[in-house]
Amino acid sequence: VDRWPWGNMYEFVVAICFAAVTAFLGTQIRFNVRFLGAFV
């Protein structure tokens, strides 16, 4: 679409899911938080 891909609800939710998983994996690099993995 040649634009930032969060211009509607669908794109925004896809991006938030990506951000949530990024937060989990980024935290896992520094701390052992695999216990949150199933729920995230």
Full PDB file with SEQRES, HELIX, SHEET, SSBOND, CRYST1, ORIGX, SCALE, CONECT and MASTER records, all heavy atoms in Angstrom:
SEQRES   1 A   40  VAL ASP ARG TRP PRO TRP GLY ASN MET TYR GLU PHE VAL          
SEQRES   2 A   40  VAL ALA ILE CYS PHE ALA ALA VAL THR ALA PHE LEU GLY          
SEQRES   3 A   40  THR GLN ILE ARG PHE ASN VAL ARG PHE LEU GLY ALA PHE          
SEQRES   4 A   40  VAL                                                          
HELIX    1 AA1 MET A    9  ARG A   30  1                                  22    
HELIX    2 AA2 ARG A   34  LEU A   36  5                                   3    
CRYST1    1.000    1.000    1.000  90.00  90.00  90.00 P 1           1          
ORIGX1      1.000000  0.000000  0.000000        0.00000                         
ORIGX2      0.000000  1.000000  0.000000        0.00000                         
ORIGX3      0.000000  0.000000  1.000000        0.00000                         
SCALE1      1.000000  0.000000  0.000000        0.00000                         
SCALE2      0.000000  1.000000  0.000000        0.00000                         
SCALE3      0.000000  0.000000  1.000000        0.00000                         
ATOM      1  N   VAL A   1       0.817  -1.218   0.000  1.00  0.00           N  
ATOM      2  CA  VAL A   1       0.000   0.000   0.000  1.00  0.00           C  
ATOM      3  C   VAL A   1       0.849   1.266   0.000  1.00  0.00           C  
ATOM      4  O   VAL A   1       0.307   2.374  -0.046  1.00  0.00           O  
ATOM      5  CB  VAL A   1      -0.953   0.010   1.215  1.00  0.00           C  
ATOM      6  CG1 VAL A   1      -1.975  -1.105   1.101  1.00  0.00           C  
ATOM      7  CG2 VAL A   1      -0.178  -0.128   2.526  1.00  0.00           C  
ATOM      8  N   ASP A   2       2.176   1.090   0.094  1.00  0.00           N  
ATOM      9  CA  ASP A   2       3.113   2.213   0.057  1.00  0.00           C  
ATOM     10  C   ASP A   2       2.805   3.237   1.156  1.00  0.00           C  
ATOM     11  O   ASP A   2       2.734   4.445   0.918  1.00  0.00           O  
ATOM     12  CB  ASP A   2       3.088   2.888  -1.322  1.00  0.00           C  
ATOM     13  CG  ASP A   2       4.291   3.823  -1.515  1.00  0.00           C  
ATOM     14  OD1 ASP A   2       5.313   3.592  -0.854  1.00  0.00           O  
ATOM     15  OD2 ASP A   2       4.172   4.785  -2.307  1.00  0.00           O  
ATOM     16  N   ARG A   3       2.604   2.742   2.371  1.00  0.00           N  
ATOM     17  CA  ARG A   3       2.364   3.606   3.530  1.00  0.00           C  
ATOM     18  C   ARG A   3       2.662   2.817   4.787  1.00  0.00           C  
ATOM     19  O   ARG A   3       2.939   1.607   4.732  1.00  0.00           O  
ATOM     20  CB  ARG A   3       0.915   4.090   3.562  1.00  0.00           C  
ATOM     21  CG  ARG A   3      -0.109   2.956   3.635  1.00  0.00           C  
ATOM     22  CD  ARG A   3      -1.505   3.460   3.891  1.00  0.00           C  
ATOM     23  NE  ARG A   3      -2.495   2.414   3.796  1.00  0.00           N  
ATOM     24  CZ  ARG A   3      -2.755   1.505   4.736  1.00  0.00           C  
ATOM     25  NH1 ARG A   3      -2.063   1.533   5.868  1.00  0.00           N  
ATOM     26  NH2 ARG A   3      -3.675   0.570   4.559  1.00  0.00           N  
ATOM     27  N   TRP A   4       2.609   3.501   5.943  1.00  0.00           N  
ATOM     28  CA  TRP A   4       2.762   2.790   7.212  1.00  0.00           C  
ATOM     29  C   TRP A   4       1.565   1.857   7.409  1.00  0.00           C  
ATOM     30  O   TRP A   4       0.415   2.303   7.312  1.00  0.00           O  
ATOM     31  CB  TRP A   4       2.861   3.779   8.373  1.00  0.00           C  
ATOM     32  CG  TRP A   4       4.182   4.468   8.408  1.00  0.00           C  
ATOM     33  CD1 TRP A   4       4.511   5.627   7.770  1.00  0.00           C  
ATOM     34  CD2 TRP A   4       5.357   4.013   9.085  1.00  0.00           C  
ATOM     35  NE1 TRP A   4       5.829   5.936   8.011  1.00  0.00           N  
ATOM     36  CE2 TRP A   4       6.374   4.974   8.819  1.00  0.00           C  
ATOM     37  CE3 TRP A   4       5.658   2.918   9.884  1.00  0.00           C  
ATOM     38  CZ2 TRP A   4       7.665   4.857   9.324  1.00  0.00           C  
ATOM     39  CZ3 TRP A   4       6.939   2.794  10.393  1.00  0.00           C  
ATOM     40  CH2 TRP A   4       7.927   3.750  10.120  1.00  0.00           C  
ATOM     41  N   PRO A   5       1.830   0.584   7.688  1.00  0.00           N  
ATOM     42  CA  PRO A   5       0.743  -0.416   7.673  1.00  0.00           C  
ATOM     43  C   PRO A   5      -0.038  -0.521   8.969  1.00  0.00           C  
ATOM     44  O   PRO A   5      -0.193  -1.610   9.530  1.00  0.00           O  
ATOM     45  CB  PRO A   5       1.498  -1.717   7.382  1.00  0.00           C  
ATOM     46  CG  PRO A   5       2.829  -1.514   8.034  1.00  0.00           C  
ATOM     47  CD  PRO A   5       3.143  -0.045   7.888  1.00  0.00           C  
ATOM     48  N   TRP A   6      -0.523   0.591   9.472  1.00  0.00           N  
ATOM     49  CA  TRP A   6      -1.470   0.543  10.585  1.00  0.00           C  
ATOM     50  C   TRP A   6      -2.465   1.687  10.449  1.00  0.00           C  
ATOM     51  O   TRP A   6      -2.588   2.545  11.318  1.00  0.00           O  
ATOM     52  CB  TRP A   6      -0.786   0.558  11.949  1.00  0.00           C  
ATOM     53  CG  TRP A   6       0.521   1.274  12.057  1.00  0.00           C  
ATOM     54  CD1 TRP A   6       0.727   2.608  12.161  1.00  0.00           C  
ATOM     55  CD2 TRP A   6       1.808   0.660  12.107  1.00  0.00           C  
ATOM     56  NE1 TRP A   6       2.058   2.887  12.270  1.00  0.00           N  
ATOM     57  CE2 TRP A   6       2.762   1.707  12.245  1.00  0.00           C  
ATOM     58  CE3 TRP A   6       2.269  -0.656  12.060  1.00  0.00           C  
ATOM     59  CZ2 TRP A   6       4.136   1.464  12.324  1.00  0.00           C  
ATOM     60  CZ3 TRP A   6       3.622  -0.889  12.129  1.00  0.00           C  
ATOM     61  CH2 TRP A   6       4.539   0.152  12.264  1.00  0.00           C  
ATOM     62  N   GLY A   7      -3.195   1.633   9.330  1.00  0.00           N  
ATOM     63  CA  GLY A   7      -4.187   2.648   9.049  1.00  0.00           C  
ATOM     64  C   GLY A   7      -5.608   2.215   9.317  1.00  0.00           C  
ATOM     65  O   GLY A   7      -6.542   2.988   9.102  1.00  0.00           O  
ATOM     66  N   ASN A   8      -5.809   0.964   9.776  1.00  0.00           N  
ATOM     67  CA  ASN A   8      -7.150   0.490  10.111  1.00  0.00           C  
ATOM     68  C   ASN A   8      -7.049  -0.532  11.239  1.00  0.00           C  
ATOM     69  O   ASN A   8      -5.943  -0.881  11.681  1.00  0.00           O  
ATOM     70  CB  ASN A   8      -7.849  -0.109   8.883  1.00  0.00           C  
ATOM     71  CG  ASN A   8      -7.002  -1.171   8.194  1.00  0.00           C  
ATOM     72  OD1 ASN A   8      -6.639  -2.174   8.787  1.00  0.00           O  
ATOM     73  ND2 ASN A   8      -6.670  -0.931   6.915  1.00  0.00           N  
ATOM     74  N   MET A   9      -8.192  -1.002  11.698  1.00  0.00           N  
ATOM     75  CA  MET A   9      -8.240  -1.889  12.856  1.00  0.00           C  
ATOM     76  C   MET A   9      -7.466  -3.184  12.613  1.00  0.00           C  
ATOM     77  O   MET A   9      -6.734  -3.663  13.488  1.00  0.00           O  
ATOM     78  CB  MET A   9      -9.705  -2.195  13.184  1.00  0.00           C  
ATOM     79  CG  MET A   9      -9.893  -3.010  14.450  1.00  0.00           C  
ATOM     80  SD  MET A   9      -9.560  -2.029  15.920  1.00  0.00           S  
ATOM     81  CE  MET A   9     -10.169  -3.134  17.176  1.00  0.00           C  
ATOM     82  N   TYR A  10      -7.617  -3.758  11.435  1.00  0.00           N  
ATOM     83  CA  TYR A  10      -6.920  -5.008  11.121  1.00  0.00           C  
ATOM     84  C   TYR A  10      -5.412  -4.829  11.246  1.00  0.00           C  
ATOM     85  O   TYR A  10      -4.720  -5.621  11.915  1.00  0.00           O  
ATOM     86  CB  TYR A  10      -7.299  -5.460   9.718  1.00  0.00           C  
ATOM     87  CG  TYR A  10      -6.434  -6.574   9.178  1.00  0.00           C  
ATOM     88  CD1 TYR A  10      -6.591  -7.885   9.621  1.00  0.00           C  
ATOM     89  CD2 TYR A  10      -5.453  -6.313   8.229  1.00  0.00           C  
ATOM     90  CE1 TYR A  10      -5.797  -8.912   9.134  1.00  0.00           C  
ATOM     91  CE2 TYR A  10      -4.651  -7.334   7.729  1.00  0.00           C  
ATOM     92  CZ  TYR A  10      -4.813  -8.623   8.184  1.00  0.00           C  
ATOM     93  OH  TYR A  10      -4.019  -9.630   7.703  1.00  0.00           O  
ATOM     94  N   GLU A  11      -4.887  -3.821  10.603  1.00  0.00           N  
ATOM     95  CA  GLU A  11      -3.442  -3.599  10.617  1.00  0.00           C  
ATOM     96  C   GLU A  11      -2.952  -3.269  12.029  1.00  0.00           C  
ATOM     97  O   GLU A  11      -1.858  -3.693  12.435  1.00  0.00           O  
ATOM     98  CB  GLU A  11      -3.097  -2.472   9.650  1.00  0.00           C  
ATOM     99  CG  GLU A  11      -3.387  -2.811   8.197  1.00  0.00           C  
ATOM    100  CD  GLU A  11      -3.230  -1.640   7.258  1.00  0.00           C  
ATOM    101  OE1 GLU A  11      -3.008  -0.502   7.752  1.00  0.00           O  
ATOM    102  OE2 GLU A  11      -3.341  -1.827   6.037  1.00  0.00           O  
ATOM    103  N   PHE A  12      -3.768  -2.529  12.772  1.00  0.00           N  
ATOM    104  CA  PHE A  12      -3.372  -2.149  14.122  1.00  0.00           C  
ATOM    105  C   PHE A  12      -3.285  -3.371  15.037  1.00  0.00           C  
ATOM    106  O   PHE A  12      -2.332  -3.515  15.813  1.00  0.00           O  
ATOM    107  CB  PHE A  12      -4.377  -1.136  14.674  1.00  0.00           C  
ATOM    108  CG  PHE A  12      -3.943  -0.455  15.937  1.00  0.00           C  
ATOM    109  CD1 PHE A  12      -2.851   0.398  15.943  1.00  0.00           C  
ATOM    110  CD2 PHE A  12      -4.623  -0.649  17.131  1.00  0.00           C  
ATOM    111  CE1 PHE A  12      -2.441   1.038  17.106  1.00  0.00           C  
ATOM    112  CE2 PHE A  12      -4.229  -0.019  18.296  1.00  0.00           C  
ATOM    113  CZ  PHE A  12      -3.139   0.833  18.278  1.00  0.00           C  
ATOM    114  N   VAL A  13      -4.252  -4.281  14.952  1.00  0.00           N  
ATOM    115  CA  VAL A  13      -4.229  -5.478  15.793  1.00  0.00           C  
ATOM    116  C   VAL A  13      -3.056  -6.381  15.424  1.00  0.00           C  
ATOM    117  O   VAL A  13      -2.380  -6.929  16.307  1.00  0.00           O  
ATOM    118  CB  VAL A  13      -5.566  -6.241  15.676  1.00  0.00           C  
ATOM    119  CG1 VAL A  13      -5.487  -7.587  16.395  1.00  0.00           C  
ATOM    120  CG2 VAL A  13      -6.708  -5.415  16.255  1.00  0.00           C  
ATOM    121  N   VAL A  14      -2.787  -6.538  14.132  1.00  0.00           N  
ATOM    122  CA  VAL A  14      -1.634  -7.338  13.703  1.00  0.00           C  
ATOM    123  C   VAL A  14      -0.349  -6.753  14.277  1.00  0.00           C  
ATOM    124  O   VAL A  14       0.532  -7.487  14.749  1.00  0.00           O  
ATOM    125  CB  VAL A  14      -1.572  -7.403  12.163  1.00  0.00           C  
ATOM    126  CG1 VAL A  14      -0.256  -8.043  11.702  1.00  0.00           C  
ATOM    127  CG2 VAL A  14      -2.747  -8.205  11.614  1.00  0.00           C  
ATOM    128  N   ALA A  15      -0.241  -5.440  14.273  1.00  0.00           N  
ATOM    129  CA  ALA A  15       0.955  -4.790  14.803  1.00  0.00           C  
ATOM    130  C   ALA A  15       1.059  -4.937  16.319  1.00  0.00           C  
ATOM    131  O   ALA A  15       2.158  -5.134  16.858  1.00  0.00           O  
ATOM    132  CB  ALA A  15       0.955  -3.311  14.414  1.00  0.00           C  
ATOM    133  N   ILE A  16      -0.066  -4.856  17.033  1.00  0.00           N  
ATOM    134  CA  ILE A  16      -0.027  -5.004  18.490  1.00  0.00           C  
ATOM    135  C   ILE A  16       0.372  -6.430  18.883  1.00  0.00           C  
ATOM    136  O   ILE A  16       1.130  -6.633  19.837  1.00  0.00           O  
ATOM    137  CB  ILE A  16      -1.385  -4.621  19.106  1.00  0.00           C  
ATOM    138  CG1 ILE A  16      -1.568  -3.109  19.083  1.00  0.00           C  
ATOM    139  CG2 ILE A  16      -1.502  -5.130  20.537  1.00  0.00           C  
ATOM    140  CD1 ILE A  16      -2.841  -2.626  19.713  1.00  0.00           C  
ATOM    141  N   CYS A  17      -0.132  -7.429  18.152  1.00  0.00           N  
ATOM    142  CA  CYS A  17       0.279  -8.812  18.428  1.00  0.00           C  
ATOM    143  C   CYS A  17       1.782  -8.966  18.235  1.00  0.00           C  
ATOM    144  O   CYS A  17       2.468  -9.623  19.034  1.00  0.00           O  
ATOM    145  CB  CYS A  17      -0.480  -9.772  17.508  1.00  0.00           C  
ATOM    146  SG  CYS A  17      -2.241  -9.897  17.866  1.00  0.00           S  
ATOM    147  N   PHE A  18       2.296  -8.351  17.178  1.00  0.00           N  
ATOM    148  CA  PHE A  18       3.743  -8.375  16.943  1.00  0.00           C  
ATOM    149  C   PHE A  18       4.484  -7.699  18.093  1.00  0.00           C  
ATOM    150  O   PHE A  18       5.507  -8.210  18.569  1.00  0.00           O  
ATOM    151  CB  PHE A  18       4.058  -7.674  15.627  1.00  0.00           C  
ATOM    152  CG  PHE A  18       5.525  -7.494  15.365  1.00  0.00           C  
ATOM    153  CD1 PHE A  18       6.307  -8.560  14.947  1.00  0.00           C  
ATOM    154  CD2 PHE A  18       6.122  -6.255  15.532  1.00  0.00           C  
ATOM    155  CE1 PHE A  18       7.664  -8.395  14.711  1.00  0.00           C  
ATOM    156  CE2 PHE A  18       7.481  -6.079  15.298  1.00  0.00           C  
ATOM    157  CZ  PHE A  18       8.252  -7.150  14.880  1.00  0.00           C  
ATOM    158  N   ALA A  19       3.970  -6.572  18.566  1.00  0.00           N  
ATOM    159  CA  ALA A  19       4.620  -5.851  19.661  1.00  0.00           C  
ATOM    160  C   ALA A  19       4.596  -6.663  20.953  1.00  0.00           C  
ATOM    161  O   ALA A  19       5.576  -6.666  21.710  1.00  0.00           O  
ATOM    162  CB  ALA A  19       3.936  -4.500  19.866  1.00  0.00           C  
ATOM    163  N   ALA A  20       3.487  -7.360  21.214  1.00  0.00           N  
ATOM    164  CA  ALA A  20       3.392  -8.168  22.432  1.00  0.00           C  
ATOM    165  C   ALA A  20       4.399  -9.315  22.407  1.00  0.00           C  
ATOM    166  O   ALA A  20       5.075  -9.589  23.413  1.00  0.00           O  
ATOM    167  CB  ALA A  20       1.973  -8.710  22.592  1.00  0.00           C  
ATOM    168  N   VAL A  21       4.512  -9.983  21.265  1.00  0.00           N  
ATOM    169  CA  VAL A  21       5.478 -11.077  21.150  1.00  0.00           C  
ATOM    170  C   VAL A  21       6.904 -10.534  21.221  1.00  0.00           C  
ATOM    171  O   VAL A  21       7.791 -11.150  21.825  1.00  0.00           O  
ATOM    172  CB  VAL A  21       5.247 -11.864  19.852  1.00  0.00           C  
ATOM    173  CG1 VAL A  21       6.318 -12.931  19.663  1.00  0.00           C  
ATOM    174  CG2 VAL A  21       3.864 -12.518  19.868  1.00  0.00           C  
ATOM    175  N   THR A  22       7.128  -9.372  20.619  1.00  0.00           N  
ATOM    176  CA  THR A  22       8.446  -8.746  20.704  1.00  0.00           C  
ATOM    177  C   THR A  22       8.807  -8.437  22.152  1.00  0.00           C  
ATOM    178  O   THR A  22       9.954  -8.647  22.579  1.00  0.00           O  
ATOM    179  CB  THR A  22       8.480  -7.444  19.875  1.00  0.00           C  
ATOM    180  OG1 THR A  22       8.157  -7.737  18.510  1.00  0.00           O  
ATOM    181  CG2 THR A  22       9.852  -6.798  19.925  1.00  0.00           C  
ATOM    182  N   ALA A  23       7.837  -7.933  22.915  1.00  0.00           N  
ATOM    183  CA  ALA A  23       8.085  -7.639  24.331  1.00  0.00           C  
ATOM    184  C   ALA A  23       8.453  -8.911  25.088  1.00  0.00           C  
ATOM    185  O   ALA A  23       9.380  -8.908  25.909  1.00  0.00           O  
ATOM    186  CB  ALA A  23       6.846  -6.992  24.946  1.00  0.00           C  
ATOM    187  N   PHE A  24       7.740 -10.003  24.809  1.00  0.00           N  
ATOM    188  CA  PHE A  24       8.036 -11.271  25.484  1.00  0.00           C  
ATOM    189  C   PHE A  24       9.428 -11.792  25.103  1.00  0.00           C  
ATOM    190  O   PHE A  24      10.226 -12.141  25.977  1.00  0.00           O  
ATOM    191  CB  PHE A  24       6.974 -12.307  25.123  1.00  0.00           C  
ATOM    192  CG  PHE A  24       7.368 -13.718  25.418  1.00  0.00           C  
ATOM    193  CD1 PHE A  24       7.503 -14.166  26.727  1.00  0.00           C  
ATOM    194  CD2 PHE A  24       7.627 -14.625  24.390  1.00  0.00           C  
ATOM    195  CE1 PHE A  24       7.879 -15.467  27.011  1.00  0.00           C  
ATOM    196  CE2 PHE A  24       7.997 -15.916  24.662  1.00  0.00           C  
ATOM    197  CZ  PHE A  24       8.132 -16.348  25.972  1.00  0.00           C  
ATOM    198  N   LEU A  25       9.718 -11.838  23.803  1.00  0.00           N  
ATOM    199  CA  LEU A  25      11.000 -12.377  23.356  1.00  0.00           C  
ATOM    200  C   LEU A  25      12.158 -11.475  23.780  1.00  0.00           C  
ATOM    201  O   LEU A  25      13.243 -11.963  24.131  1.00  0.00           O  
ATOM    202  CB  LEU A  25      10.993 -12.550  21.840  1.00  0.00           C  
ATOM    203  CG  LEU A  25      10.031 -13.609  21.300  1.00  0.00           C  
ATOM    204  CD1 LEU A  25      10.018 -13.602  19.780  1.00  0.00           C  
ATOM    205  CD2 LEU A  25      10.405 -14.994  21.819  1.00  0.00           C  
ATOM    206  N   GLY A  26      11.936 -10.156  23.750  1.00  0.00           N  
ATOM    207  CA  GLY A  26      12.980  -9.256  24.209  1.00  0.00           C  
ATOM    208  C   GLY A  26      13.267  -9.425  25.688  1.00  0.00           C  
ATOM    209  O   GLY A  26      14.427  -9.405  26.115  1.00  0.00           O  
ATOM    210  N   THR A  27      12.230  -9.608  26.482  1.00  0.00           N  
ATOM    211  CA  THR A  27      12.415  -9.849  27.913  1.00  0.00           C  
ATOM    212  C   THR A  27      13.105 -11.185  28.154  1.00  0.00           C  
ATOM    213  O   THR A  27      13.949 -11.318  29.052  1.00  0.00           O  
ATOM    214  CB  THR A  27      11.059  -9.824  28.637  1.00  0.00           C  
ATOM    215  OG1 THR A  27      10.400  -8.589  28.363  1.00  0.00           O  
ATOM    216  CG2 THR A  27      11.241  -9.967  30.144  1.00  0.00           C  
ATOM    217  N   GLN A  28      12.779 -12.189  27.340  1.00  0.00           N  
ATOM    218  CA  GLN A  28      13.377 -13.513  27.474  1.00  0.00           C  
ATOM    219  C   GLN A  28      14.883 -13.478  27.233  1.00  0.00           C  
ATOM    220  O   GLN A  28      15.629 -14.269  27.816  1.00  0.00           O  
ATOM    221  CB  GLN A  28      12.698 -14.486  26.497  1.00  0.00           C  
ATOM    222  CG  GLN A  28      13.342 -15.858  26.388  1.00  0.00           C  
ATOM    223  CD  GLN A  28      13.335 -16.639  27.690  1.00  0.00           C  
ATOM    224  OE1 GLN A  28      12.449 -16.445  28.511  1.00  0.00           O  
ATOM    225  NE2 GLN A  28      14.308 -17.507  27.868  1.00  0.00           N  
ATOM    226  N   ILE A  29      15.350 -12.564  26.404  1.00  0.00           N  
ATOM    227  CA  ILE A  29      16.791 -12.450  26.156  1.00  0.00           C  
ATOM    228  C   ILE A  29      17.519 -12.056  27.440  1.00  0.00           C  
ATOM    229  O   ILE A  29      18.613 -12.546  27.718  1.00  0.00           O  
ATOM    230  CB  ILE A  29      17.051 -11.413  25.041  1.00  0.00           C  
ATOM    231  CG1 ILE A  29      16.512 -11.934  23.703  1.00  0.00           C  
ATOM    232  CG2 ILE A  29      18.545 -11.103  24.920  1.00  0.00           C  
ATOM    233  CD1 ILE A  29      16.607 -10.934  22.569  1.00  0.00           C  
ATOM    234  N   ARG A  30      16.898 -11.196  28.218  1.00  0.00           N  
ATOM    235  CA  ARG A  30      17.547 -10.698  29.445  1.00  0.00           C  
ATOM    236  C   ARG A  30      17.191 -11.527  30.675  1.00  0.00           C  
ATOM    237  O   ARG A  30      18.031 -11.774  31.537  1.00  0.00           O  
ATOM    238  CB  ARG A  30      17.124  -9.235  29.661  1.00  0.00           C  
ATOM    239  CG  ARG A  30      17.713  -8.591  30.920  1.00  0.00           C  
ATOM    240  CD  ARG A  30      19.223  -8.471  30.832  1.00  0.00           C  
ATOM    241  NE  ARG A  30      19.763  -7.808  32.017  1.00  0.00           N  
ATOM    242  CZ  ARG A  30      20.037  -8.428  33.162  1.00  0.00           C  
ATOM    243  NH1 ARG A  30      19.810  -9.728  33.298  1.00  0.00           N  
ATOM    244  NH2 ARG A  30      20.545  -7.749  34.179  1.00  0.00           N  
ATOM    245  N   PHE A  31      15.933 -11.985  30.757  1.00  0.00           N  
ATOM    246  CA  PHE A  31      15.474 -12.761  31.908  1.00  0.00           C  
ATOM    247  C   PHE A  31      14.793 -14.035  31.408  1.00  0.00           C  
ATOM    248  O   PHE A  31      14.271 -14.075  30.298  1.00  0.00           O  
ATOM    249  CB  PHE A  31      14.472 -11.954  32.757  1.00  0.00           C  
ATOM    250  CG  PHE A  31      14.973 -10.608  33.173  1.00  0.00           C  
ATOM    251  CD1 PHE A  31      14.568  -9.472  32.492  1.00  0.00           C  
ATOM    252  CD2 PHE A  31      15.840 -10.474  34.237  1.00  0.00           C  
ATOM    253  CE1 PHE A  31      15.020  -8.223  32.870  1.00  0.00           C  
ATOM    254  CE2 PHE A  31      16.295  -9.225  34.621  1.00  0.00           C  
ATOM    255  CZ  PHE A  31      15.893  -8.096  33.931  1.00  0.00           C  
ATOM    256  N   ASN A  32      14.771 -15.055  32.255  1.00  0.00           N  
ATOM    257  CA  ASN A  32      14.091 -16.300  31.894  1.00  0.00           C  
ATOM    258  C   ASN A  32      12.613 -16.169  32.212  1.00  0.00           C  
ATOM    259  O   ASN A  32      12.188 -16.361  33.351  1.00  0.00           O  
ATOM    260  CB  ASN A  32      14.699 -17.482  32.655  1.00  0.00           C  
ATOM    261  CG  ASN A  32      14.040 -18.795  32.267  1.00  0.00           C  
ATOM    262  OD1 ASN A  32      13.379 -18.889  31.230  1.00  0.00           O  
ATOM    263  ND2 ASN A  32      14.219 -19.813  33.081  1.00  0.00           N  
ATOM    264  N   VAL A  33      11.819 -15.822  31.191  1.00  0.00           N  
ATOM    265  CA  VAL A  33      10.368 -15.662  31.388  1.00  0.00           C  
ATOM    266  C   VAL A  33       9.600 -16.624  30.488  1.00  0.00           C  
ATOM    267  O   VAL A  33       8.490 -16.329  30.054  1.00  0.00           O  
ATOM    268  CB  VAL A  33       9.928 -14.200  31.124  1.00  0.00           C  
ATOM    269  CG1 VAL A  33      10.479 -13.272  32.183  1.00  0.00           C  
ATOM    270  CG2 VAL A  33      10.338 -13.740  29.723  1.00  0.00           C  
ATOM    271  N   ARG A  34      10.186 -17.794  30.219  1.00  0.00           N  
ATOM    272  CA  ARG A  34       9.487 -18.752  29.361  1.00  0.00           C  
ATOM    273  C   ARG A  34       8.164 -19.192  29.966  1.00  0.00           C  
ATOM    274  O   ARG A  34       7.278 -19.655  29.234  1.00  0.00           O  
ATOM    275  CB  ARG A  34      10.368 -19.986  29.095  1.00  0.00           C  
ATOM    276  CG  ARG A  34      11.460 -19.765  28.074  1.00  0.00           C  
ATOM    277  CD  ARG A  34      11.707 -21.002  27.213  1.00  0.00           C  
ATOM    278  NE  ARG A  34      11.990 -22.191  27.978  1.00  0.00           N  
ATOM    279  CZ  ARG A  34      13.223 -22.650  28.225  1.00  0.00           C  
ATOM    280  NH1 ARG A  34      14.270 -21.997  27.797  1.00  0.00           N  
ATOM    281  NH2 ARG A  34      13.389 -23.766  28.899  1.00  0.00           N  
ATOM    282  N   PHE A  35       8.014 -19.043  31.273  1.00  0.00           N  
ATOM    283  CA  PHE A  35       6.745 -19.423  31.912  1.00  0.00           C  
ATOM    284  C   PHE A  35       5.576 -18.593  31.380  1.00  0.00           C  
ATOM    285  O   PHE A  35       4.422 -18.989  31.521  1.00  0.00           O  
ATOM    286  CB  PHE A  35       6.851 -19.273  33.430  1.00  0.00           C  
ATOM    287  CG  PHE A  35       7.318 -17.918  33.894  1.00  0.00           C  
ATOM    288  CD1 PHE A  35       6.427 -16.858  34.001  1.00  0.00           C  
ATOM    289  CD2 PHE A  35       8.643 -17.704  34.235  1.00  0.00           C  
ATOM    290  CE1 PHE A  35       6.842 -15.610  34.437  1.00  0.00           C  
ATOM    291  CE2 PHE A  35       9.078 -16.454  34.676  1.00  0.00           C  
ATOM    292  CZ  PHE A  35       8.177 -15.408  34.770  1.00  0.00           C  
ATOM    293  N   LEU A  36       5.871 -17.430  30.782  1.00  0.00           N  
ATOM    294  CA  LEU A  36       4.813 -16.620  30.191  1.00  0.00           C  
ATOM    295  C   LEU A  36       4.514 -17.008  28.747  1.00  0.00           C  
ATOM    296  O   LEU A  36       3.538 -16.538  28.165  1.00  0.00           O  
ATOM    297  CB  LEU A  36       5.206 -15.133  30.219  1.00  0.00           C  
ATOM    298  CG  LEU A  36       5.258 -14.443  31.584  1.00  0.00           C  
ATOM    299  CD1 LEU A  36       5.759 -13.015  31.421  1.00  0.00           C  
ATOM    300  CD2 LEU A  36       3.888 -14.444  32.231  1.00  0.00           C  
ATOM    301  N   GLY A  37       5.363 -17.864  28.174  1.00  0.00           N  
ATOM    302  CA  GLY A  37       5.280 -18.148  26.752  1.00  0.00           C  
ATOM    303  C   GLY A  37       3.939 -18.668  26.286  1.00  0.00           C  
ATOM    304  O   GLY A  37       3.379 -18.185  25.286  1.00  0.00           O  
ATOM    305  N   ALA A  38       3.391 -19.654  26.994  1.00  0.00           N  
ATOM    306  CA  ALA A  38       2.125 -20.250  26.554  1.00  0.00           C  
ATOM    307  C   ALA A  38       1.015 -19.212  26.518  1.00  0.00           C  
ATOM    308  O   ALA A  38       0.190 -19.199  25.599  1.00  0.00           O  
ATOM    309  CB  ALA A  38       1.742 -21.405  27.487  1.00  0.00           C  
ATOM    310  N   PHE A  39       1.021 -18.305  27.479  1.00  0.00           N  
ATOM    311  CA  PHE A  39      -0.073 -17.346  27.601  1.00  0.00           C  
ATOM    312  C   PHE A  39       0.093 -16.171  26.632  1.00  0.00           C  
ATOM    313  O   PHE A  39      -0.884 -15.668  26.091  1.00  0.00           O  
ATOM    314  CB  PHE A  39      -0.153 -16.867  29.048  1.00  0.00           C  
ATOM    315  CG  PHE A  39      -0.207 -17.999  30.029  1.00  0.00           C  
ATOM    316  CD1 PHE A  39       0.945 -18.442  30.668  1.00  0.00           C  
ATOM    317  CD2 PHE A  39      -1.393 -18.659  30.272  1.00  0.00           C  
ATOM    318  CE1 PHE A  39       0.905 -19.501  31.552  1.00  0.00           C  
ATOM    319  CE2 PHE A  39      -1.451 -19.722  31.162  1.00  0.00           C  
ATOM    320  CZ  PHE A  39      -0.303 -20.148  31.794  1.00  0.00           C  
ATOM    321  N   VAL A  40       1.332 -15.755  26.387  1.00  0.00           N  
ATOM    322  CA  VAL A  40       1.566 -14.704  25.397  1.00  0.00           C  
ATOM    323  C   VAL A  40       1.282 -15.238  23.996  1.00  0.00           C  
ATOM    324  O   VAL A  40       0.676 -14.558  23.161  1.00  0.00           O  
ATOM    325  CB  VAL A  40       3.007 -14.172  25.492  1.00  0.00           C  
ATOM    326  CG1 VAL A  40       3.290 -13.176  24.358  1.00  0.00           C  
ATOM    327  CG2 VAL A  40       3.244 -13.508  26.842  1.00  0.00           C  
TER     328      VAL A  40                                                      
MASTER        0    0    0    2    0    0    0    6  327    1    0    4          
END                                                                             
